[in-house]
PDB file of N, CA and C in Angstrom:
ATOM      1  N   UNK A   1       0.811  -1.201   0.000  1.00  0.00           N
ATOM      2  CA  UNK A   1       0.000   0.000   0.000  1.00  0.00           C
ATOM      3  C   UNK A   1       0.856   1.267   0.000  1.00  0.00           C
ATOM      4  N   UNK A   2       1.993   1.220   0.678  1.00  0.00           N
ATOM      5  CA  UNK A   2       2.830   2.414   0.779  1.00  0.00           C
ATOM      6  C   UNK A   2       3.372   2.830  -0.579  1.00  0.00           C
ATOM      7  N   UNK A   3       3.810   1.867  -1.376  1.00  0.00           N
ATOM      8  CA  UNK A   3       4.351   2.212  -2.691  1.00  0.00           C
ATOM      9  C   UNK A   3       3.265   2.809  -3.578  1.00  0.00           C
ATOM     10  N   UNK A   4       2.061   2.261  -3.512  1.00  0.00           N
ATOM     11  CA  UNK A   4       0.964   2.811  -4.299  1.00  0.00           C
ATOM     12  C   UNK A   4       0.596   4.209  -3.848  1.00  0.00           C
ATOM     13  N   UNK A   5       0.604   4.422  -2.528  1.00  0.00           N
ATOM     14  CA  UNK A   5       0.290   5.752  -2.003  1.00  0.00           C
ATOM     15  C   UNK A   5       1.326   6.783  -2.406  1.00  0.00           C
ATOM     16  N   UNK A   6       2.606   6.391  -2.346  1.00  0.00           N
ATOM     17  CA  UNK A   6       3.665   7.308  -2.764  1.00  0.00           C
ATOM     18  C   UNK A   6       3.557   7.629  -4.243  1.00  0.00           C
ATOM     19  N   UNK A   7       3.222   6.628  -5.043  1.00  0.00           N
ATOM     20  CA  UNK A   7       3.094   6.858  -6.477  1.00  0.00           C
ATOM     21  C   UNK A   7       1.929   7.787  -6.775  1.00  0.00           C
ATOM     22  N   UNK A   8       0.841   7.656  -6.030  1.00  0.00           N
ATOM     23  CA  UNK A   8      -0.298   8.559  -6.217  1.00  0.00           C
ATOM     24  C   UNK A   8       0.102   9.991  -5.882  1.00  0.00           C
ATOM     25  N   UNK A   9       0.820  10.173  -4.775  1.00  0.00           N
ATOM     26  CA  UNK A   9       1.252  11.522  -4.374  1.00  0.00           C
ATOM     27  C   UNK A   9       2.203  12.108  -5.419  1.00  0.00           C
ATOM     28  N   UNK A  10       3.170  11.303  -5.869  1.00  0.00           N
ATOM     29  CA  UNK A  10       4.120  11.793  -6.871  1.00  0.00           C
ATOM     30  C   UNK A  10       3.414  12.137  -8.181  1.00  0.00           C
ATOM     31  N   UNK A  11       2.488  11.293  -8.598  1.00  0.00           N
ATOM     32  CA  UNK A  11       1.747  11.566  -9.820  1.00  0.00           C
ATOM     33  C   UNK A  11       0.918  12.830  -9.724  1.00  0.00           C
ATOM     34  N   UNK A  12       0.288  13.032  -8.570  1.00  0.00           N
ATOM     35  CA  UNK A  12      -0.517  14.237  -8.369  1.00  0.00           C
ATOM     36  C   UNK A  12       0.364  15.484  -8.386  1.00  0.00           C
ATOM     37  N   UNK A  13       1.511  15.408  -7.725  1.00  0.00           N
ATOM     38  CA  UNK A  13       2.427  16.558  -7.696  1.00  0.00           C
ATOM     39  C   UNK A  13       2.913  16.890  -9.105  1.00  0.00           C
ATOM     40  N   UNK A  14       3.310  15.872  -9.874  1.00  0.00           N
ATOM     41  CA  UNK A  14       3.785  16.132 -11.235  1.00  0.00           C
ATOM     42  C   UNK A  14       2.672  16.652 -12.132  1.00  0.00           C
ATOM     43  N   UNK A  15       1.459  16.155 -11.937  1.00  0.00           N
ATOM     44  CA  UNK A  15       0.325  16.646 -12.727  1.00  0.00           C
ATOM     45  C   UNK A  15       0.060  18.118 -12.434  1.00  0.00           C
ATOM     46  N   UNK A  16       0.053  18.480 -11.158  1.00  0.00           N
ATOM     47  CA  UNK A  16      -0.165  19.885 -10.780  1.00  0.00           C
ATOM     48  C   UNK A  16       0.993  20.753 -11.274  1.00  0.00           C
ATOM     49  N   UNK A  17       2.229  20.265 -11.146  1.00  0.00           N
ATOM     50  CA  UNK A  17       3.388  21.010 -11.621  1.00  0.00           C
ATOM     51  C   UNK A  17       3.316  21.229 -13.139  1.00  0.00           C
ATOM     52  N   UNK A  18       2.927  20.201 -13.891  1.00  0.00           N
ATOM     53  CA  UNK A  18       2.803  20.338 -15.336  1.00  0.00           C
ATOM     54  C   UNK A  18       1.750  21.353 -15.729  1.00  0.00           C
ATOM     55  N   UNK A  19       0.611  21.335 -15.039  1.00  0.00           N
ATOM     56  CA  UNK A  19      -0.447  22.311 -15.334  1.00  0.00           C
ATOM     57  C   UNK A  19       0.026  23.721 -14.993  1.00  0.00           C
ATOM     58  N   UNK A  20       0.704  23.875 -13.843  1.00  0.00           N
ATOM     59  CA  UNK A  20       1.224  25.183 -13.467  1.00  0.00           C
ATOM     60  C   UNK A  20       2.246  25.697 -14.478  1.00  0.00           C
ATOM     61  N   UNK A  21       3.170  24.818 -14.894  1.00  0.00           N
ATOM     62  CA  UNK A  21       4.186  25.224 -15.875  1.00  0.00           C
ATOM     63  C   UNK A  21       3.542  25.641 -17.197  1.00  0.00           C
ATOM     64  N   UNK A  22       2.520  24.901 -17.610  1.00  0.00           N
ATOM     65  CA  UNK A  22       1.855  25.212 -18.869  1.00  0.00           C
ATOM     66  C   UNK A  22       1.169  26.579 -18.796  1.00  0.00           C
ATOM     67  N   UNK A  23       0.422  26.809 -17.719  1.00  0.00           N
ATOM     68  CA  UNK A  23      -0.271  28.101 -17.575  1.00  0.00           C
ATOM     69  C   UNK A  23       0.720  29.248 -17.463  1.00  0.00           C
ATOM     70  N   UNK A  24       1.825  29.027 -16.735  1.00  0.00           N
ATOM     71  CA  UNK A  24       2.844  30.068 -16.606  1.00  0.00           C
ATOM     72  C   UNK A  24       3.463  30.388 -17.963  1.00  0.00           C
ATOM     73  N   UNK A  25       3.766  29.361 -18.736  1.00  0.00           N
ATOM     74  CA  UNK A  25       4.395  29.580 -20.040  1.00  0.00           C
ATOM     75  C   UNK A  25       3.443  30.270 -21.007  1.00  0.00           C
ATOM     76  N   UNK A  26       2.187  29.887 -20.973  1.00  0.00           N
ATOM     77  CA  UNK A  26       1.206  30.507 -21.877  1.00  0.00           C
ATOM     78  C   UNK A  26       1.014  31.984 -21.518  1.00  0.00           C
ATOM     79  N   UNK A  27       1.021  32.304 -20.225  1.00  0.00           N
ATOM     80  CA  UNK A  27       0.808  33.695 -19.806  1.00  0.00           C
ATOM     81  C   UNK A  27       2.024  34.580 -20.025  1.00  0.00           C
ATOM     82  N   UNK A  28       3.234  34.019 -19.963  1.00  0.00           N
ATOM     83  CA  UNK A  28       4.427  34.849 -20.122  1.00  0.00           C
ATOM     84  C   UNK A  28       4.948  34.894 -21.562  1.00  0.00           C
ATOM     85  N   UNK A  29       4.419  34.053 -22.432  1.00  0.00           N
ATOM     86  CA  UNK A  29       4.894  34.037 -23.822  1.00  0.00           C
ATOM     87  C   UNK A  29       4.671  35.373 -24.539  1.00  0.00           C
ATOM     88  N   UNK A  30       3.524  36.023 -24.384  1.00  0.00           N
ATOM     89  CA  UNK A  30       3.367  37.321 -25.067  1.00  0.00           C
ATOM     90  C   UNK A  30       4.364  38.379 -24.597  1.00  0.00           C
ATOM     91  N   UNK A  31       4.694  38.372 -23.300  1.00  0.00           N
ATOM     92  CA  UNK A  31       5.671  39.346 -22.804  1.00  0.00           C
ATOM     93  C   UNK A  31       7.060  39.071 -23.375  1.00  0.00           C
ATOM     94  N   UNK A  32       7.413  37.796 -23.491  1.00  0.00           N
ATOM     95  CA  UNK A  32       8.713  37.456 -24.076  1.00  0.00           C
ATOM     96  C   UNK A  32       8.762  37.852 -25.546  1.00  0.00           C
ATOM     97  N   UNK A  33       7.652  37.674 -26.249  1.00  0.00           N
ATOM     98  CA  UNK A  33       7.609  38.072 -27.660  1.00  0.00           C
ATOM     99  C   UNK A  33       7.737  39.580 -27.814  1.00  0.00           C
ATOM    100  N   UNK A  34       7.075  40.332 -26.948  1.00  0.00           N
ATOM    101  CA  UNK A  34       7.190  41.788 -27.014  1.00  0.00           C
ATOM    102  C   UNK A  34       8.616  42.246 -26.721  1.00  0.00           C
ATOM    103  N   UNK A  35       9.257  41.599 -25.764  1.00  0.00           N
ATOM    104  CA  UNK A  35      10.643  41.962 -25.447  1.00  0.00           C
ATOM    105  C   UNK A  35      11.574  41.639 -26.615  1.00  0.00           C
ATOM    106  N   UNK A  36      11.336  40.512 -27.287  1.00  0.00           N
ATOM    107  CA  UNK A  36      12.162  40.162 -28.444  1.00  0.00           C
ATOM    108  C   UNK A  36      11.926  41.149 -29.591  1.00  0.00           C
ATOM    109  N   UNK A  37      10.691  41.567 -29.771  1.00  0.00           N
ATOM    110  CA  UNK A  37      10.393  42.553 -30.820  1.00  0.00           C
ATOM    111  C   UNK A  37      11.095  43.875 -30.512  1.00  0.00           C
ATOM    112  N   UNK A  38      11.051  44.285 -29.236  1.00  0.00           N
ATOM    113  CA  UNK A  38      11.718  45.537 -28.856  1.00  0.00           C
ATOM    114  C   UNK A  38      13.224  45.432 -29.061  1.00  0.00           C
ATOM    115  N   UNK A  39      13.791  44.275 -28.799  1.00  0.00           N
ATOM    116  CA  UNK A  39      15.244  44.106 -28.967  1.00  0.00           C
ATOM    117  C   UNK A  39      15.645  44.050 -30.430  1.00  0.00           C
ATOM    118  N   UNK A  40      14.715  43.796 -31.317  1.00  0.00           N
ATOM    119  CA  UNK A  40      15.029  43.785 -32.744  1.00  0.00           C
ATOM    120  C   UNK A  40      15.082  45.193 -33.349  1.00  0.00           C
ATOM    121  N   UNK A  41      14.640  46.186 -32.590  1.00  0.00           N
ATOM    122  CA  UNK A  41      14.748  47.573 -33.042  1.00  0.00           C
ATOM    123  C   UNK A  41      16.214  47.997 -32.870  1.00  0.00           C
ATOM    124  N   UNK A  42      16.848  48.495 -33.926  1.00  0.00           N
ATOM    125  CA  UNK A  42      18.295  48.791 -33.853  1.00  0.00           C
ATOM    126  C   UNK A  42      18.673  49.762 -32.739  1.00  0.00           C
ATOM    127  N   UNK A  43      17.868  50.784 -32.498  1.00  0.00           N
ATOM    128  CA  UNK A  43      18.223  51.760 -31.461  1.00  0.00           C
ATOM    129  C   UNK A  43      18.240  51.120 -30.080  1.00  0.00           C
ATOM    130  N   UNK A  44      17.310  50.223 -29.847  1.00  0.00           N
ATOM    131  CA  UNK A  44      17.243  49.561 -28.541  1.00  0.00           C
ATOM    132  C   UNK A  44      18.367  48.538 -28.401  1.00  0.00           C
ATOM    133  N   UNK A  45      18.599  47.771 -29.441  1.00  0.00           N
ATOM    134  CA  UNK A  45      19.601  46.708 -29.346  1.00  0.00           C
ATOM    135  C   UNK A  45      21.018  47.263 -29.207  1.00  0.00           C
ATOM    136  N   UNK A  46      21.293  48.471 -29.753  1.00  0.00           N
ATOM    137  CA  UNK A  46      22.612  49.079 -29.587  1.00  0.00           C
ATOM    138  C   UNK A  46      22.867  49.489 -28.138  1.00  0.00           C
ATOM    139  N   UNK A  47      21.826  49.986 -27.497  1.00  0.00           N
ATOM    140  CA  UNK A  47      21.978  50.459 -26.117  1.00  0.00           C
ATOM    141  C   UNK A  47      21.972  49.290 -25.127  1.00  0.00           C
ATOM    142  N   UNK A  48      21.096  48.326 -25.360  1.00  0.00           N
ATOM    143  CA  UNK A  48      20.909  47.232 -24.408  1.00  0.00           C
ATOM    144  C   UNK A  48      21.343  45.891 -25.001  1.00  0.00           C
ATOM    145  N   UNK A  49      22.545  45.828 -25.503  1.00  0.00           N
ATOM    146  CA  UNK A  49      22.973  44.620 -26.221  1.00  0.00           C
ATOM    147  C   UNK A  49      23.046  43.398 -25.310  1.00  0.00           C
ATOM    148  N   UNK A  50      23.611  43.542 -24.113  1.00  0.00           N
ATOM    149  CA  UNK A  50      23.699  42.389 -23.210  1.00  0.00           C
ATOM    150  C   UNK A  50      22.324  41.962 -22.719  1.00  0.00           C
ATOM    151  N   UNK A  51      21.487  42.919 -22.397  1.00  0.00           N
ATOM    152  CA  UNK A  51      20.135  42.602 -21.937  1.00  0.00           C
ATOM    153  C   UNK A  51      19.338  41.928 -23.040  1.00  0.00           C
ATOM    154  N   UNK A  52      19.504  42.387 -24.273  1.00  0.00           N
ATOM    155  CA  UNK A  52      18.767  41.797 -25.375  1.00  0.00           C
ATOM    156  C   UNK A  52      19.216  40.368 -25.663  1.00  0.00           C
ATOM    157  N   UNK A  53      20.482  40.072 -25.445  1.00  0.00           N
ATOM    158  CA  UNK A  53      20.918  38.688 -25.645  1.00  0.00           C
ATOM    159  C   UNK A  53      20.289  37.773 -24.593  1.00  0.00           C
ATOM    160  N   UNK A  54      20.184  38.250 -23.360  1.00  0.00           N
ATOM    161  CA  UNK A  54      19.514  37.461 -22.320  1.00  0.00           C
ATOM    162  C   UNK A  54      18.027  37.316 -22.614  1.00  0.00           C
ATOM    163  N   UNK A  55      17.411  38.366 -23.130  1.00  0.00           N
ATOM    164  CA  UNK A  55      15.992  38.314 -23.476  1.00  0.00           C
ATOM    165  C   UNK A  55      15.750  37.278 -24.573  1.00  0.00           C
ATOM    166  N   UNK A  56      16.641  37.235 -25.557  1.00  0.00           N
ATOM    167  CA  UNK A  56      16.468  36.261 -26.638  1.00  0.00           C
ATOM    168  C   UNK A  56      16.654  34.832 -26.137  1.00  0.00           C
ATOM    169  N   UNK A  57      17.611  34.615 -25.243  1.00  0.00           N
ATOM    170  CA  UNK A  57      17.805  33.277 -24.684  1.00  0.00           C
ATOM    171  C   UNK A  57      16.581  32.865 -23.872  1.00  0.00           C
ATOM    172  N   UNK A  58      16.096  33.761 -23.024  1.00  0.00           N
ATOM    173  CA  UNK A  58      14.927  33.445 -22.207  1.00  0.00           C
ATOM    174  C   UNK A  58      13.679  33.248 -23.074  1.00  0.00           C
ATOM    175  N   UNK A  59      13.570  34.003 -24.132  1.00  0.00           N
ATOM    176  CA  UNK A  59      12.433  33.829 -25.036  1.00  0.00           C
ATOM    177  C   UNK A  59      12.458  32.471 -25.708  1.00  0.00           C
ATOM    178  N   UNK A  60      13.646  31.999 -26.050  1.00  0.00           N
ATOM    179  CA  UNK A  60      13.751  30.663 -26.642  1.00  0.00           C
ATOM    180  C   UNK A  60      13.381  29.580 -25.637  1.00  0.00           C
ATOM    181  N   UNK A  61      13.800  29.754 -24.394  1.00  0.00           N
ATOM    182  CA  UNK A  61      13.457  28.771 -23.361  1.00  0.00           C
ATOM    183  C   UNK A  61      11.950  28.748 -23.125  1.00  0.00           C
ATOM    184  N   UNK A  62      11.346  29.908 -23.038  1.00  0.00           N
ATOM    185  CA  UNK A  62       9.905  29.984 -22.786  1.00  0.00           C
ATOM    186  C   UNK A  62       9.110  29.392 -23.950  1.00  0.00           C
ATOM    187  N   UNK A  63       9.636  29.484 -25.165  1.00  0.00           N
ATOM    188  CA  UNK A  63       8.892  28.943 -26.301  1.00  0.00           C
ATOM    189  C   UNK A  63       8.790  27.415 -26.244  1.00  0.00           C
ATOM    190  N   UNK A  64       9.731  26.737 -25.585  1.00  0.00           N
ATOM    191  CA  UNK A  64       9.661  25.275 -25.451  1.00  0.00           C
ATOM    192  C   UNK A  64       8.920  24.826 -24.195  1.00  0.00           C
ATOM    193  N   UNK A  65       8.628  25.742 -23.296  1.00  0.00           N
ATOM    194  CA  UNK A  65       8.059  25.373 -22.004  1.00  0.00           C
ATOM    195  C   UNK A  65       6.676  24.706 -22.086  1.00  0.00           C
ATOM    196  N   UNK A  66       5.754  25.115 -22.955  1.00  0.00           N
ATOM    197  CA  UNK A  66       4.468  24.406 -22.999  1.00  0.00           C
ATOM    198  C   UNK A  66       4.616  22.934 -23.378  1.00  0.00           C
ATOM    199  N   UNK A  67       5.528  22.620 -24.292  1.00  0.00           N
ATOM    200  CA  UNK A  67       5.729  21.222 -24.675  1.00  0.00           C
ATOM    201  C   UNK A  67       6.292  20.414 -23.512  1.00  0.00           C
ATOM    202  N   UNK A  68       7.240  20.996 -22.784  1.00  0.00           N
ATOM    203  CA  UNK A  68       7.818  20.305 -21.629  1.00  0.00           C
ATOM    204  C   UNK A  68       6.756  20.125 -20.545  1.00  0.00           C
ATOM    205  N   UNK A  69       5.927  21.142 -20.339  1.00  0.00           N
ATOM    206  CA  UNK A  69       4.879  21.055 -19.321  1.00  0.00           C
ATOM    207  C   UNK A  69       3.871  19.963 -19.649  1.00  0.00           C
ATOM    208  N   UNK A  70       3.525  19.820 -20.916  1.00  0.00           N
ATOM    209  CA  UNK A  70       2.593  18.760 -21.310  1.00  0.00           C
ATOM    210  C   UNK A  70       3.211  17.394 -21.048  1.00  0.00           C
ATOM    211  N   UNK A  71       4.494  17.245 -21.337  1.00  0.00           N
ATOM    212  CA  UNK A  71       5.157  15.962 -21.088  1.00  0.00           C
ATOM    213  C   UNK A  71       5.211  15.652 -19.591  1.00  0.00           C
ATOM    214  N   UNK A  72       5.466  16.656 -18.756  1.00  0.00           N
ATOM    215  CA  UNK A  72       5.492  16.451 -17.307  1.00  0.00           C
ATOM    216  C   UNK A  72       4.102  16.058 -16.807  1.00  0.00           C
ATOM    217  N   UNK A  73       3.061  16.716 -17.322  1.00  0.00           N
ATOM    218  CA  UNK A  73       1.698  16.403 -16.903  1.00  0.00           C
ATOM    219  C   UNK A  73       1.292  14.999 -17.345  1.00  0.00           C
ATOM    220  N   UNK A  74       1.687  14.590 -18.535  1.00  0.00           N
ATOM    221  CA  UNK A  74       1.370  13.235 -19.002  1.00  0.00           C
ATOM    222  C   UNK A  74       2.070  12.202 -18.125  1.00  0.00           C
ATOM    223  N   UNK A  75       3.343  12.430 -17.802  1.00  0.00           N
ATOM    224  CA  UNK A  75       4.069  11.518 -16.927  1.00  0.00           C
ATOM    225  C   UNK A  75       3.422  11.461 -15.547  1.00  0.00           C
ATOM    226  N   UNK A  76       2.981  12.613 -15.038  1.00  0.00           N
ATOM    227  CA  UNK A  76       2.285  12.634 -13.752  1.00  0.00           C
ATOM    228  C   UNK A  76       0.981  11.873 -13.800  1.00  0.00           C
ATOM    229  N   UNK A  77       0.251  11.987 -14.912  1.00  0.00           N
ATOM    230  CA  UNK A  77      -0.990  11.233 -15.062  1.00  0.00           C
ATOM    231  C   UNK A  77      -0.747   9.737 -15.107  1.00  0.00           C
ATOM    232  N   UNK A  78       0.322   9.328 -15.789  1.00  0.00           N
ATOM    233  CA  UNK A  78       0.665   7.901 -15.850  1.00  0.00           C
ATOM    234  C   UNK A  78       1.014   7.393 -14.450  1.00  0.00           C
ATOM    235  N   UNK A  79       1.819   8.174 -13.702  1.00  0.00           N
ATOM    236  CA  UNK A  79       2.154   7.773 -12.336  1.00  0.00           C
ATOM    237  C   UNK A  79       0.920   7.700 -11.452  1.00  0.00           C
ATOM    238  N   UNK A  80      -0.005   8.635 -11.634  1.00  0.00           N
ATOM    239  CA  UNK A  80      -1.226   8.645 -10.842  1.00  0.00           C
ATOM    240  C   UNK A  80      -2.050   7.390 -11.111  1.00  0.00           C
ATOM    241  N   UNK A  81      -2.206   7.032 -12.375  1.00  0.00           N
ATOM    242  CA  UNK A  81      -2.972   5.836 -12.736  1.00  0.00           C
ATOM    243  C   UNK A  81      -2.280   4.581 -12.209  1.00  0.00           C
ATOM    244  N   UNK A  82      -0.958   4.521 -12.360  1.00  0.00           N
ATOM    245  CA  UNK A  82      -0.229   3.353 -11.850  1.00  0.00           C
ATOM    246  C   UNK A  82      -0.347   3.241 -10.331  1.00  0.00           C
ATOM    247  N   UNK A  83      -0.317   4.362  -9.635  1.00  0.00           N
ATOM    248  CA  UNK A  83      -0.491   4.339  -8.181  1.00  0.00           C
ATOM    249  C   UNK A  83      -1.862   3.858  -7.775  1.00  0.00           C
ATOM    250  N   UNK A  84      -2.879   4.262  -8.529  1.00  0.00           N
ATOM    251  CA  UNK A  84      -4.241   3.791  -8.238  1.00  0.00           C
ATOM    252  C   UNK A  84      -4.345   2.291  -8.495  1.00  0.00           C
ATOM    253  N   UNK A  85      -3.731   1.831  -9.572  1.00  0.00           N
ATOM    254  CA  UNK A  85      -3.757   0.397  -9.874  1.00  0.00           C
ATOM    255  C   UNK A  85      -3.031  -0.391  -8.787  1.00  0.00           C
ATOM    256  N   UNK A  86      -1.883   0.112  -8.337  1.00  0.00           N
ATOM    257  CA  UNK A  86      -1.129  -0.576  -7.278  1.00  0.00           C
ATOM    258  C   UNK A  86      -1.926  -0.582  -5.975  1.00  0.00           C
ATOM    259  N   UNK A  87      -2.566   0.542  -5.650  1.00  0.00           N
ATOM    260  CA  UNK A  87      -3.291   0.653  -4.387  1.00  0.00           C
ATOM    261  C   UNK A  87      -4.519  -0.233  -4.338  1.00  0.00           C
ATOM    262  N   UNK A  88      -5.173  -0.416  -5.465  1.00  0.00           N
ATOM    263  CA  UNK A  88      -6.401  -1.203  -5.470  1.00  0.00           C
ATOM    264  C   UNK A  88      -6.151  -2.690  -5.713  1.00  0.00           C
ATOM    265  N   UNK A  89      -4.889  -3.092  -5.922  1.00  0.00           N
ATOM    266  CA  UNK A  89      -4.566  -4.502  -6.122  1.00  0.00           C
ATOM    267  C   UNK A  89      -4.809  -5.297  -4.856  1.00  0.00           C
ATOM    268  N   UNK A  90      -5.286  -6.534  -5.026  1.00  0.00           N
ATOM    269  CA  UNK A  90      -5.590  -7.375  -3.869  1.00  0.00           C
ATOM    270  C   UNK A  90      -4.447  -8.351  -3.646  1.00  0.00           C
ATOM    271  N   UNK A  91      -4.060  -8.504  -2.389  1.00  0.00           N
ATOM    272  CA  UNK A  91      -3.042  -9.484  -2.058  1.00  0.00           C
ATOM    273  C   UNK A  91      -3.699 -10.853  -1.979  1.00  0.00           C
ATOM    274  N   UNK A  92      -3.004 -11.859  -2.458  1.00  0.00           N
ATOM    275  CA  UNK A  92      -3.554 -13.207  -2.508  1.00  0.00           C
ATOM    276  C   UNK A  92      -2.818 -14.088  -1.513  1.00  0.00           C
ATOM    277  N   UNK A  93      -3.241 -14.058  -0.271  1.00  0.00           N
ATOM    278  CA  UNK A  93      -2.621 -14.895   0.743  1.00  0.00           C
ATOM    279  C   UNK A  93      -1.169 -14.539   1.013  1.00  0.00           C
ATOM    280  N   UNK A  94      -0.775 -13.311   0.794  1.00  0.00           N
ATOM    281  CA  UNK A  94       0.594 -12.898   1.045  1.00  0.00           C
ATOM    282  C   UNK A  94       1.548 -13.247  -0.076  1.00  0.00           C
ATOM    283  N   UNK A  95       1.088 -13.920  -1.096  1.00  0.00           N
ATOM    284  CA  UNK A  95       1.959 -14.285  -2.209  1.00  0.00           C
ATOM    285  C   UNK A  95       1.573 -13.464  -3.434  1.00  0.00           C
ATOM    286  N   UNK A  96       2.084 -12.283  -3.521  1.00  0.00           N
ATOM    287  CA  UNK A  96       1.800 -11.437  -4.664  1.00  0.00           C
ATOM    288  C   UNK A  96       2.776 -11.687  -5.795  1.00  0.00           C
ATOM    289  N   UNK A  97       2.768 -10.836  -6.764  1.00  0.00           N
ATOM    290  CA  UNK A  97       3.700 -10.976  -7.890  1.00  0.00           C
ATOM    291  C   UNK A  97       5.128 -10.832  -7.398  1.00  0.00           C
ATOM    292  N   UNK A  98       5.985 -11.687  -7.891  1.00  0.00           N
ATOM    293  CA  UNK A  98       7.394 -11.595  -7.567  1.00  0.00           C
ATOM    294  C   UNK A  98       7.783 -12.288  -6.287  1.00  0.00           C
ATOM    295  N   UNK A  99       6.868 -12.998  -5.668  1.00  0.00           N
ATOM    296  CA  UNK A  99       7.237 -13.694  -4.445  1.00  0.00           C
ATOM    297  C   UNK A  99       7.831 -15.062  -4.762  1.00  0.00           C
ATOM    298  N   UNK A 100       8.445 -15.665  -3.775  1.00  0.00           N
ATOM    299  CA  UNK A 100       9.101 -16.953  -3.991  1.00  0.00           C
ATOM    300  C   UNK A 100       8.090 -18.083  -4.174  1.00  0.00           C
ATOM    301  N   UNK A 101       6.904 -17.919  -3.651  1.00  0.00           N
ATOM    302  CA  UNK A 101       5.941 -19.008  -3.675  1.00  0.00           C
ATOM    303  C   UNK A 101       5.380 -19.342  -5.045  1.00  0.00           C
ATOM    304  N   UNK A 102       5.323 -18.373  -5.951  1.00  0.00           N
ATOM    305  CA  UNK A 102       4.715 -18.669  -7.250  1.00  0.00           C
ATOM    306  C   UNK A 102       5.765 -18.878  -8.363  1.00  0.00           C
ATOM    307  N   UNK A 103       7.012 -18.960  -7.998  1.00  0.00           N
ATOM    308  CA  UNK A 103       8.038 -19.288  -8.980  1.00  0.00           C
ATOM    309  C   UNK A 103       8.654 -18.099  -9.688  1.00  0.00           C
ATOM    310  N   UNK A 104       8.195 -16.890  -9.417  1.00  0.00           N
ATOM    311  CA  UNK A 104       8.776 -15.691 -10.036  1.00  0.00           C
ATOM    312  C   UNK A 104       9.667 -15.017  -9.022  1.00  0.00           C
ATOM    313  N   UNK A 105      10.918 -14.805  -9.388  1.00  0.00           N
ATOM    314  CA  UNK A 105      11.826 -14.127  -8.460  1.00  0.00           C
ATOM    315  C   UNK A 105      12.887 -13.360  -9.142  1.00  0.00           C
TER     316      UNK A 105
END
């Protein structure tokens, strides 16, 4: 039961983290795009060259964040389902899968 419970908690945490990352990335993407557009103006990029390079790097990272968040949420959902399956499994006289009594070891 403990392993199933831990898997449920881990799956729930990853699912919530994935949803949070996705919403954060979707909400900050327009600001990153505006900053990249501003840095493409020659007058701005001449004055703020170091800042604009950091803005472009961060904009590239943010553009991949929704895909990463979806993958984290899917993995969390898989862990959640596996934890539920483990938790609801019935023990058969103390000899579950992988025990010495049924020949699997």
